[in-house]
Amino acid sequence: MALLDDLANALALDTVKAMEELGDDRLFEEISKVLGAASPTVQEAYMTSIRFLLAEKRGRKALEALLEKARAEKGRPGSAA
């Protein structure tokens, strides 16, 4: 369902932004409980979106760390550039 996915994705994006702003990495669980009480279908779609977003965020962090390390090693004297 396009509407279900759109709504769940929008709420998940807003939740991740709020998590960053508030420094609360478990906020999504509270929102999930509220959704579960109202609609388990929406809760499931929301949690799928949250998992995607958080996985992408972790992956991006790992990629940035690898690039930073590689760039730092390139700048060292005696390293092959």
PDB file of N, CA and C in Angstrom:
ATOM      1  N   MET A   1       0.833  -1.184   0.000  1.00  0.00           N
ATOM      2  CA  MET A   1       0.000   0.000   0.000  1.00  0.00           C
ATOM      3  C   MET A   1       0.878   1.249   0.000  1.00  0.00           C
ATOM      4  N   ALA A   2       0.721   2.054  -0.994  1.00  0.00           N
ATOM      5  CA  ALA A   2       1.560   3.240  -1.124  1.00  0.00           C
ATOM      6  C   ALA A   2       1.337   4.226   0.024  1.00  0.00           C
ATOM      7  N   LEU A   3       0.092   4.464   0.383  1.00  0.00           N
ATOM      8  CA  LEU A   3      -0.191   5.417   1.456  1.00  0.00           C
ATOM      9  C   LEU A   3       0.420   4.945   2.772  1.00  0.00           C
ATOM     10  N   LEU A   4       0.267   3.674   3.083  1.00  0.00           N
ATOM     11  CA  LEU A   4       0.834   3.116   4.314  1.00  0.00           C
ATOM     12  C   LEU A   4       2.342   3.323   4.351  1.00  0.00           C
ATOM     13  N   ASP A   5       3.008   2.969   3.266  1.00  0.00           N
ATOM     14  CA  ASP A   5       4.461   3.122   3.220  1.00  0.00           C
ATOM     15  C   ASP A   5       4.885   4.583   3.298  1.00  0.00           C
ATOM     16  N   ASP A   6       4.169   5.446   2.599  1.00  0.00           N
ATOM     17  CA  ASP A   6       4.491   6.876   2.630  1.00  0.00           C
ATOM     18  C   ASP A   6       4.362   7.444   4.044  1.00  0.00           C
ATOM     19  N   LEU A   7       3.265   7.110   4.707  1.00  0.00           N
ATOM     20  CA  LEU A   7       3.049   7.608   6.071  1.00  0.00           C
ATOM     21  C   LEU A   7       4.085   7.049   7.036  1.00  0.00           C
ATOM     22  N   ALA A   8       4.362   5.749   6.931  1.00  0.00           N
ATOM     23  CA  ALA A   8       5.336   5.122   7.819  1.00  0.00           C
ATOM     24  C   ALA A   8       6.730   5.694   7.592  1.00  0.00           C
ATOM     25  N   ASN A   9       7.103   5.895   6.331  1.00  0.00           N
ATOM     26  CA  ASN A   9       8.417   6.463   6.024  1.00  0.00           C
ATOM     27  C   ASN A   9       8.550   7.891   6.546  1.00  0.00           C
ATOM     28  N   ALA A  10       7.515   8.684   6.359  1.00  0.00           N
ATOM     29  CA  ALA A  10       7.559  10.069   6.832  1.00  0.00           C
ATOM     30  C   ALA A  10       7.702  10.120   8.352  1.00  0.00           C
ATOM     31  N   LEU A  11       6.947   9.298   9.048  1.00  0.00           N
ATOM     32  CA  LEU A  11       7.041   9.269  10.509  1.00  0.00           C
ATOM     33  C   LEU A  11       8.402   8.749  10.955  1.00  0.00           C
ATOM     34  N   ALA A  12       8.920   7.754  10.264  1.00  0.00           N
ATOM     35  CA  ALA A  12      10.236   7.217  10.610  1.00  0.00           C
ATOM     36  C   ALA A  12      11.331   8.268  10.413  1.00  0.00           C
ATOM     37  N   LEU A  13      11.274   8.998   9.312  1.00  0.00           N
ATOM     38  CA  LEU A  13      12.254  10.070   9.073  1.00  0.00           C
ATOM     39  C   LEU A  13      12.183  11.131  10.163  1.00  0.00           C
ATOM     40  N   ASP A  14      10.970  11.537  10.506  1.00  0.00           N
ATOM     41  CA  ASP A  14      10.796  12.540  11.558  1.00  0.00           C
ATOM     42  C   ASP A  14      11.287  12.008  12.907  1.00  0.00           C
ATOM     43  N   THR A  15      11.066  10.737  13.150  1.00  0.00           N
ATOM     44  CA  THR A  15      11.508  10.131  14.407  1.00  0.00           C
ATOM     45  C   THR A  15      13.026  10.109  14.494  1.00  0.00           C
ATOM     46  N   VAL A  16      13.690   9.737  13.408  1.00  0.00           N
ATOM     47  CA  VAL A  16      15.157   9.700  13.412  1.00  0.00           C
ATOM     48  C   VAL A  16      15.716  11.108  13.640  1.00  0.00           C
ATOM     49  N   LYS A  17      15.115  12.096  13.015  1.00  0.00           N
ATOM     50  CA  LYS A  17      15.545  13.486  13.239  1.00  0.00           C
ATOM     51  C   LYS A  17      15.351  13.872  14.711  1.00  0.00           C
ATOM     52  N   ALA A  18      14.219  13.505  15.275  1.00  0.00           N
ATOM     53  CA  ALA A  18      13.949  13.813  16.684  1.00  0.00           C
ATOM     54  C   ALA A  18      14.926  13.073  17.597  1.00  0.00           C
ATOM     55  N   MET A  19      15.272  11.848  17.246  1.00  0.00           N
ATOM     56  CA  MET A  19      16.231  11.076  18.036  1.00  0.00           C
ATOM     57  C   MET A  19      17.572  11.810  18.094  1.00  0.00           C
ATOM     58  N   GLU A  20      17.994  12.334  16.944  1.00  0.00           N
ATOM     59  CA  GLU A  20      19.256  13.081  16.890  1.00  0.00           C
ATOM     60  C   GLU A  20      19.160  14.373  17.698  1.00  0.00           C
ATOM     61  N   GLU A  21      18.059  15.085  17.544  1.00  0.00           N
ATOM     62  CA  GLU A  21      17.871  16.359  18.242  1.00  0.00           C
ATOM     63  C   GLU A  21      17.816  16.170  19.756  1.00  0.00           C
ATOM     64  N   LEU A  22      17.113  15.129  20.192  1.00  0.00           N
ATOM     65  CA  LEU A  22      16.924  14.888  21.622  1.00  0.00           C
ATOM     66  C   LEU A  22      18.032  14.043  22.247  1.00  0.00           C
ATOM     67  N   GLY A  23      18.858  13.409  21.411  1.00  0.00           N
ATOM     68  CA  GLY A  23      19.888  12.514  21.932  1.00  0.00           C
ATOM     69  C   GLY A  23      19.303  11.250  22.536  1.00  0.00           C
ATOM     70  N   ASP A  24      18.164  10.818  22.020  1.00  0.00           N
ATOM     71  CA  ASP A  24      17.464   9.648  22.544  1.00  0.00           C
ATOM     72  C   ASP A  24      17.426   8.571  21.467  1.00  0.00           C
ATOM     73  N   ASP A  25      18.341   7.616  21.563  1.00  0.00           N
ATOM     74  CA  ASP A  25      18.434   6.600  20.518  1.00  0.00           C
ATOM     75  C   ASP A  25      17.385   5.500  20.635  1.00  0.00           C
ATOM     76  N   ARG A  26      16.497   5.582  21.607  1.00  0.00           N
ATOM     77  CA  ARG A  26      15.433   4.588  21.766  1.00  0.00           C
ATOM     78  C   ARG A  26      14.040   5.201  21.577  1.00  0.00           C
ATOM     79  N   LEU A  27      13.979   6.428  21.148  1.00  0.00           N
ATOM     80  CA  LEU A  27      12.697   7.109  20.954  1.00  0.00           C
ATOM     81  C   LEU A  27      11.777   6.333  20.013  1.00  0.00           C
ATOM     82  N   PHE A  28      12.355   5.698  19.005  1.00  0.00           N
ATOM     83  CA  PHE A  28      11.537   4.968  18.044  1.00  0.00           C
ATOM     84  C   PHE A  28      10.714   3.866  18.709  1.00  0.00           C
ATOM     85  N   GLU A  29      11.212   3.320  19.815  1.00  0.00           N
ATOM     86  CA  GLU A  29      10.462   2.278  20.523  1.00  0.00           C
ATOM     87  C   GLU A  29       9.179   2.835  21.139  1.00  0.00           C
ATOM     88  N   GLU A  30       9.271   4.041  21.685  1.00  0.00           N
ATOM     89  CA  GLU A  30       8.077   4.679  22.265  1.00  0.00           C
ATOM     90  C   GLU A  30       7.026   4.940  21.189  1.00  0.00           C
ATOM     91  N   ILE A  31       7.471   5.438  20.053  1.00  0.00           N
ATOM     92  CA  ILE A  31       6.548   5.719  18.948  1.00  0.00           C
ATOM     93  C   ILE A  31       5.948   4.409  18.440  1.00  0.00           C
ATOM     94  N   SER A  32       6.760   3.378  18.373  1.00  0.00           N
ATOM     95  CA  SER A  32       6.280   2.068  17.924  1.00  0.00           C
ATOM     96  C   SER A  32       5.165   1.534  18.830  1.00  0.00           C
ATOM     97  N   LYS A  33       5.316   1.712  20.133  1.00  0.00           N
ATOM     98  CA  LYS A  33       4.283   1.260  21.072  1.00  0.00           C
ATOM     99  C   LYS A  33       2.967   1.978  20.844  1.00  0.00           C
ATOM    100  N   VAL A  34       3.055   3.289  20.616  1.00  0.00           N
ATOM    101  CA  VAL A  34       1.845   4.069  20.344  1.00  0.00           C
ATOM    102  C   VAL A  34       1.172   3.559  19.072  1.00  0.00           C
ATOM    103  N   LEU A  35       1.964   3.327  18.044  1.00  0.00           N
ATOM    104  CA  LEU A  35       1.405   2.828  16.784  1.00  0.00           C
ATOM    105  C   LEU A  35       0.812   1.437  16.955  1.00  0.00           C
ATOM    106  N   GLY A  36       1.484   0.586  17.703  1.00  0.00           N
ATOM    107  CA  GLY A  36       1.013  -0.779  17.907  1.00  0.00           C
ATOM    108  C   GLY A  36      -0.349  -0.826  18.579  1.00  0.00           C
ATOM    109  N   ALA A  37      -0.581   0.103  19.469  1.00  0.00           N
ATOM    110  CA  ALA A  37      -1.877   0.159  20.148  1.00  0.00           C
ATOM    111  C   ALA A  37      -2.987   0.595  19.195  1.00  0.00           C
ATOM    112  N   ALA A  38      -2.617   1.378  18.192  1.00  0.00           N
ATOM    113  CA  ALA A  38      -3.619   1.889  17.252  1.00  0.00           C
ATOM    114  C   ALA A  38      -3.753   1.011  16.010  1.00  0.00           C
ATOM    115  N   SER A  39      -2.606   0.579  15.480  1.00  0.00           N
ATOM    116  CA  SER A  39      -2.637  -0.206  14.239  1.00  0.00           C
ATOM    117  C   SER A  39      -1.345  -1.011  14.094  1.00  0.00           C
ATOM    118  N   PRO A  40      -1.400  -2.306  14.359  1.00  0.00           N
ATOM    119  CA  PRO A  40      -0.216  -3.145  14.182  1.00  0.00           C
ATOM    120  C   PRO A  40       0.335  -3.109  12.753  1.00  0.00           C
ATOM    121  N   THR A  41      -0.522  -2.899  11.769  1.00  0.00           N
ATOM    122  CA  THR A  41      -0.069  -2.821  10.382  1.00  0.00           C
ATOM    123  C   THR A  41       0.811  -1.598  10.163  1.00  0.00           C
ATOM    124  N   VAL A  42       0.379  -0.460  10.689  1.00  0.00           N
ATOM    125  CA  VAL A  42       1.182   0.760  10.582  1.00  0.00           C
ATOM    126  C   VAL A  42       2.470   0.601  11.389  1.00  0.00           C
ATOM    127  N   GLN A  43       2.371  -0.010  12.555  1.00  0.00           N
ATOM    128  CA  GLN A  43       3.555  -0.239  13.383  1.00  0.00           C
ATOM    129  C   GLN A  43       4.598  -1.061  12.622  1.00  0.00           C
ATOM    130  N   GLU A  44       4.167  -2.095  11.953  1.00  0.00           N
ATOM    131  CA  GLU A  44       5.098  -2.949  11.209  1.00  0.00           C
ATOM    132  C   GLU A  44       5.782  -2.175  10.078  1.00  0.00           C
ATOM    133  N   ALA A  45       5.012  -1.395   9.348  1.00  0.00           N
ATOM    134  CA  ALA A  45       5.582  -0.595   8.260  1.00  0.00           C
ATOM    135  C   ALA A  45       6.564   0.445   8.816  1.00  0.00           C
ATOM    136  N   TYR A  46       6.201   1.059   9.919  1.00  0.00           N
ATOM    137  CA  TYR A  46       7.064   2.053  10.577  1.00  0.00           C
ATOM    138  C   TYR A  46       8.379   1.417  11.023  1.00  0.00           C
ATOM    139  N   MET A  47       8.298   0.254  11.660  1.00  0.00           N
ATOM    140  CA  MET A  47       9.511  -0.397  12.149  1.00  0.00           C
ATOM    141  C   MET A  47      10.403  -0.841  10.988  1.00  0.00           C
ATOM    142  N   THR A  48       9.821  -1.234   9.889  1.00  0.00           N
ATOM    143  CA  THR A  48      10.622  -1.566   8.704  1.00  0.00           C
ATOM    144  C   THR A  48      11.382  -0.331   8.234  1.00  0.00           C
ATOM    145  N   SER A  49      10.691   0.799   8.162  1.00  0.00           N
ATOM    146  CA  SER A  49      11.351   2.047   7.755  1.00  0.00           C
ATOM    147  C   SER A  49      12.435   2.454   8.743  1.00  0.00           C
ATOM    148  N   ILE A  50      12.159   2.327  10.026  1.00  0.00           N
ATOM    149  CA  ILE A  50      13.169   2.659  11.051  1.00  0.00           C
ATOM    150  C   ILE A  50      14.397   1.787  10.870  1.00  0.00           C
ATOM    151  N   ARG A  51      14.204   0.474  10.686  1.00  0.00           N
ATOM    152  CA  ARG A  51      15.352  -0.427  10.507  1.00  0.00           C
ATOM    153  C   ARG A  51      16.172  -0.024   9.288  1.00  0.00           C
ATOM    154  N   PHE A  52      15.511   0.306   8.186  1.00  0.00           N
ATOM    155  CA  PHE A  52      16.221   0.742   6.986  1.00  0.00           C
ATOM    156  C   PHE A  52      17.032   2.001   7.262  1.00  0.00           C
ATOM    157  N   LEU A  53      16.406   2.980   7.886  1.00  0.00           N
ATOM    158  CA  LEU A  53      17.079   4.257   8.138  1.00  0.00           C
ATOM    159  C   LEU A  53      18.261   4.108   9.088  1.00  0.00           C
ATOM    160  N   LEU A  54      18.075   3.343  10.158  1.00  0.00           N
ATOM    161  CA  LEU A  54      19.161   3.180  11.123  1.00  0.00           C
ATOM    162  C   LEU A  54      20.303   2.349  10.538  1.00  0.00           C
ATOM    163  N   ALA A  55      19.980   1.358   9.719  1.00  0.00           N
ATOM    164  CA  ALA A  55      21.020   0.559   9.066  1.00  0.00           C
ATOM    165  C   ALA A  55      21.810   1.425   8.087  1.00  0.00           C
ATOM    166  N   GLU A  56      21.113   2.251   7.320  1.00  0.00           N
ATOM    167  CA  GLU A  56      21.794   3.141   6.382  1.00  0.00           C
ATOM    168  C   GLU A  56      22.701   4.111   7.122  1.00  0.00           C
ATOM    169  N   LYS A  57      22.223   4.605   8.245  1.00  0.00           N
ATOM    170  CA  LYS A  57      23.006   5.549   9.050  1.00  0.00           C
ATOM    171  C   LYS A  57      24.291   4.885   9.560  1.00  0.00           C
ATOM    172  N   ARG A  58      24.171   3.640  10.040  1.00  0.00           N
ATOM    173  CA  ARG A  58      25.356   2.908  10.514  1.00  0.00           C
ATOM    174  C   ARG A  58      26.320   2.627   9.368  1.00  0.00           C
ATOM    175  N   GLY A  59      25.764   2.234   8.234  1.00  0.00           N
ATOM    176  CA  GLY A  59      26.597   1.967   7.066  1.00  0.00           C
ATOM    177  C   GLY A  59      27.333   3.201   6.598  1.00  0.00           C
ATOM    178  N   ARG A  60      26.630   4.319   6.575  1.00  0.00           N
ATOM    179  CA  ARG A  60      27.250   5.574   6.155  1.00  0.00           C
ATOM    180  C   ARG A  60      28.371   5.979   7.117  1.00  0.00           C
ATOM    181  N   LYS A  61      28.144   5.787   8.423  1.00  0.00           N
ATOM    182  CA  LYS A  61      29.169   6.096   9.422  1.00  0.00           C
ATOM    183  C   LYS A  61      30.415   5.240   9.203  1.00  0.00           C
ATOM    184  N   ALA A  62      30.200   3.955   8.925  1.00  0.00           N
ATOM    185  CA  ALA A  62      31.318   3.042   8.680  1.00  0.00           C
ATOM    186  C   ALA A  62      32.078   3.456   7.423  1.00  0.00           C
ATOM    187  N   LEU A  63      31.358   3.813   6.368  1.00  0.00           N
ATOM    188  CA  LEU A  63      31.993   4.254   5.133  1.00  0.00           C
ATOM    189  C   LEU A  63      32.815   5.517   5.366  1.00  0.00           C
ATOM    190  N   GLU A  64      32.255   6.470   6.079  1.00  0.00           N
ATOM    191  CA  GLU A  64      32.972   7.717   6.362  1.00  0.00           C
ATOM    192  C   GLU A  64      34.236   7.457   7.176  1.00  0.00           C
ATOM    193  N   ALA A  65      34.157   6.542   8.136  1.00  0.00           N
ATOM    194  CA  ALA A  65      35.332   6.209   8.940  1.00  0.00           C
ATOM    195  C   ALA A  65      36.420   5.566   8.084  1.00  0.00           C
ATOM    196  N   LEU A  66      36.035   4.676   7.181  1.00  0.00           N
ATOM    197  CA  LEU A  66      37.010   4.038   6.292  1.00  0.00           C
ATOM    198  C   LEU A  66      37.660   5.048   5.364  1.00  0.00           C
ATOM    199  N   LEU A  67      36.858   5.947   4.817  1.00  0.00           N
ATOM    200  CA  LEU A  67      37.412   6.979   3.942  1.00  0.00           C
ATOM    201  C   LEU A  67      38.349   7.912   4.699  1.00  0.00           C
ATOM    202  N   GLU A  68      37.952   8.294   5.890  1.00  0.00           N
ATOM    203  CA  GLU A  68      38.791   9.175   6.706  1.00  0.00           C
ATOM    204  C   GLU A  68      40.135   8.510   6.988  1.00  0.00           C
ATOM    205  N   LYS A  69      40.092   7.234   7.338  1.00  0.00           N
ATOM    206  CA  LYS A  69      41.323   6.492   7.622  1.00  0.00           C
ATOM    207  C   LYS A  69      42.201   6.404   6.375  1.00  0.00           C
ATOM    208  N   ALA A  70      41.609   6.077   5.240  1.00  0.00           N
ATOM    209  CA  ALA A  70      42.372   5.957   3.995  1.00  0.00           C
ATOM    210  C   ALA A  70      42.987   7.295   3.605  1.00  0.00           C
ATOM    211  N   ARG A  71      42.237   8.364   3.765  1.00  0.00           N
ATOM    212  CA  ARG A  71      42.756   9.693   3.422  1.00  0.00           C
ATOM    213  C   ARG A  71      43.886  10.106   4.357  1.00  0.00           C
ATOM    214  N   ALA A  72      43.758   9.751   5.628  1.00  0.00           N
ATOM    215  CA  ALA A  72      44.815  10.076   6.589  1.00  0.00           C
ATOM    216  C   ALA A  72      46.087   9.293   6.249  1.00  0.00           C
ATOM    217  N   GLU A  73      45.927   8.038   5.855  1.00  0.00           N
ATOM    218  CA  GLU A  73      47.103   7.235   5.503  1.00  0.00           C
ATOM    219  C   GLU A  73      47.774   7.747   4.227  1.00  0.00           C
ATOM    220  N   LYS A  74      46.987   8.268   3.302  1.00  0.00           N
ATOM    221  CA  LYS A  74      47.563   8.843   2.079  1.00  0.00           C
ATOM    222  C   LYS A  74      48.420  10.053   2.386  1.00  0.00           C
ATOM    223  N   GLY A  75      48.040  10.777   3.401  1.00  0.00           N
ATOM    224  CA  GLY A  75      48.754  11.997   3.744  1.00  0.00           C
ATOM    225  C   GLY A  75      50.014  11.763   4.564  1.00  0.00           C
ATOM    226  N   ARG A  76      50.235  10.531   5.031  1.00  0.00           N
ATOM    227  CA  ARG A  76      51.431  10.245   5.832  1.00  0.00           C
ATOM    228  C   ARG A  76      52.680  10.180   4.977  1.00  0.00           C
ATOM    229  N   PRO A  77      53.788  10.709   5.492  1.00  0.00           N
ATOM    230  CA  PRO A  77      55.059  10.615   4.754  1.00  0.00           C
ATOM    231  C   PRO A  77      55.446   9.147   4.578  1.00  0.00           C
ATOM    232  N   GLY A  78      55.936   8.822   3.375  1.00  0.00           N
ATOM    233  CA  GLY A  78      56.381   7.459   3.110  1.00  0.00           C
ATOM    234  C   GLY A  78      55.280   6.512   2.686  1.00  0.00           C
ATOM    235  N   SER A  79      54.049   6.982   2.651  1.00  0.00           N
ATOM    236  CA  SER A  79      52.963   6.103   2.221  1.00  0.00           C
ATOM    237  C   SER A  79      52.848   6.160   0.703  1.00  0.00           C
ATOM    238  N   ALA A  80      52.406   5.069   0.114  1.00  0.00           N
ATOM    239  CA  ALA A  80      52.234   5.021  -1.337  1.00  0.00           C
ATOM    240  C   ALA A  80      50.978   5.789  -1.705  1.00  0.00           C
ATOM    241  N   ALA A  81      51.106   6.796  -2.543  1.00  0.00           N
ATOM    242  CA  ALA A  81      49.965   7.620  -2.910  1.00  0.00           C
ATOM    243  C   ALA A  81      49.524   7.370  -4.313  1.00  0.00           C
TER     244      ALA A  81
END
